[in-house]
Structures are given as C-alpha cells and as structure tokens.
Amino acid sequence: MPKDWFEWHDLYNSEPTLQQRLQIVREYISHSLDASLPGIIRVVSVCVGDGRDLFGNAIKALLCKRCVRTTC
C-alpha cells in the first residue's frame, strides 16, 4: 500500500477493487442527490480525496441539474 498521495490515487486507475469501490460510492451519491429535496445541497468529497467520486460522468449530469456546491 503506497503512502504517497499521488501513488495512492493512481491505483484507482489500475486496481479493480478500488475501481469497484469508487463506482459504488458514485452510485450512492447519485441516488442521494436524486432523493434529496429541492434547494442547495453541499457535498463533501471524502472517498478518494481528489474529487473523482463527485466528478464522474453520471454525477456531473446530476450536479448540472441541481444547485450543488462541492468541496473536495
């Protein structure tokens, strides 16, 4: 397990278990945004640390539809 922040995040590009984990997190975020009430939502990226959990293609589409503020 790398201790370097950049090396750790690079593993998300090659390790199937981390890719699966990221996909599951994105699905939870997507469902949560769909189920939330109208209005401003603040979302904090805590999974990967570089925002890719919030900025996948499906999440981008949801964020564009809503007034969402993100913090990574």
Protein backbone atom coordinates (compact mmCIF):
# COMPACT_ATOMS: atom_id res chain seq x y z
CA MET A 1 0.00 0.00 0.00
CA PRO A 2 1.63 3.27 -1.07
CA LYS A 3 1.98 6.12 1.38
CA ASP A 4 2.38 8.77 -1.30
CA TRP A 5 -0.88 10.64 -2.03
CA PHE A 6 -0.33 10.63 -5.80
CA GLU A 7 0.61 6.95 -5.93
CA TRP A 8 -2.48 6.06 -3.91
CA HIS A 9 -4.77 7.90 -6.29
CA ASP A 10 -3.05 6.40 -9.33
CA LEU A 11 -4.14 2.98 -8.05
CA TYR A 12 -7.75 3.96 -8.78
CA ASN A 13 -6.80 3.80 -12.47
CA SER A 14 -5.47 0.24 -12.32
CA GLU A 15 -6.82 -1.67 -9.30
CA PRO A 16 -10.20 -3.35 -9.96
CA THR A 17 -11.19 -3.39 -6.27
CA LEU A 18 -10.63 0.36 -5.95
CA GLN A 19 -12.46 0.99 -9.23
CA GLN A 20 -15.39 -1.05 -7.92
CA ARG A 21 -15.34 0.86 -4.63
CA LEU A 22 -15.38 4.17 -6.48
CA GLN A 23 -18.31 3.04 -8.65
CA ILE A 24 -20.31 2.04 -5.58
CA VAL A 25 -19.64 5.40 -3.93
CA ARG A 26 -20.70 7.22 -7.11
CA GLU A 27 -23.93 5.22 -7.18
CA TYR A 28 -24.69 6.14 -3.55
CA ILE A 29 -24.03 9.80 -4.30
CA SER A 30 -26.22 9.67 -7.39
CA HIS A 31 -29.12 8.05 -5.51
CA SER A 32 -28.76 10.52 -2.64
CA LEU A 33 -28.87 13.50 -4.99
CA ASP A 34 -31.91 12.08 -6.78
CA ALA A 35 -33.72 11.57 -3.47
CA SER A 36 -32.86 14.93 -1.94
CA LEU A 37 -35.28 17.81 -1.60
CA PRO A 38 -35.04 20.79 -3.95
CA GLY A 39 -32.65 23.52 -2.98
CA ILE A 40 -28.97 24.00 -2.42
CA ILE A 41 -27.00 20.92 -1.39
CA ARG A 42 -23.43 20.92 -0.09
CA VAL A 43 -21.47 17.79 -0.93
CA VAL A 44 -18.07 16.98 0.57
CA SER A 45 -15.76 14.54 -1.20
CA VAL A 46 -14.43 12.08 1.39
CA CYS A 47 -13.91 8.89 -0.58
CA VAL A 48 -10.96 9.34 -2.87
CA GLY A 49 -9.68 12.72 -1.82
CA ASP A 50 -9.24 14.15 -5.30
CA GLY A 51 -12.91 14.65 -6.17
CA ARG A 52 -13.32 11.79 -8.65
CA ASP A 53 -16.13 10.38 -6.52
CA LEU A 54 -18.12 13.55 -7.22
CA PHE A 55 -16.99 14.26 -10.74
CA GLY A 56 -17.68 11.03 -12.59
CA ASN A 57 -19.81 11.33 -15.74
CA ALA A 58 -23.09 10.34 -14.09
CA ILE A 59 -22.51 12.65 -11.13
CA LYS A 60 -21.63 15.57 -13.43
CA ALA A 61 -25.02 15.25 -15.11
CA LEU A 62 -26.82 15.31 -11.76
CA LEU A 63 -24.79 18.24 -10.48
CA CYS A 64 -25.65 20.25 -13.59
CA LYS A 65 -29.36 19.73 -12.95
CA ARG A 66 -29.14 20.84 -9.33
CA CYS A 67 -27.72 23.75 -7.43
CA VAL A 68 -24.95 21.82 -5.73
CA ARG A 69 -21.85 23.16 -4.02
CA THR A 70 -18.96 20.73 -3.77
CA THR A 71 -15.93 20.69 -1.52
CA CYS A 72 -13.00 18.36 -2.11
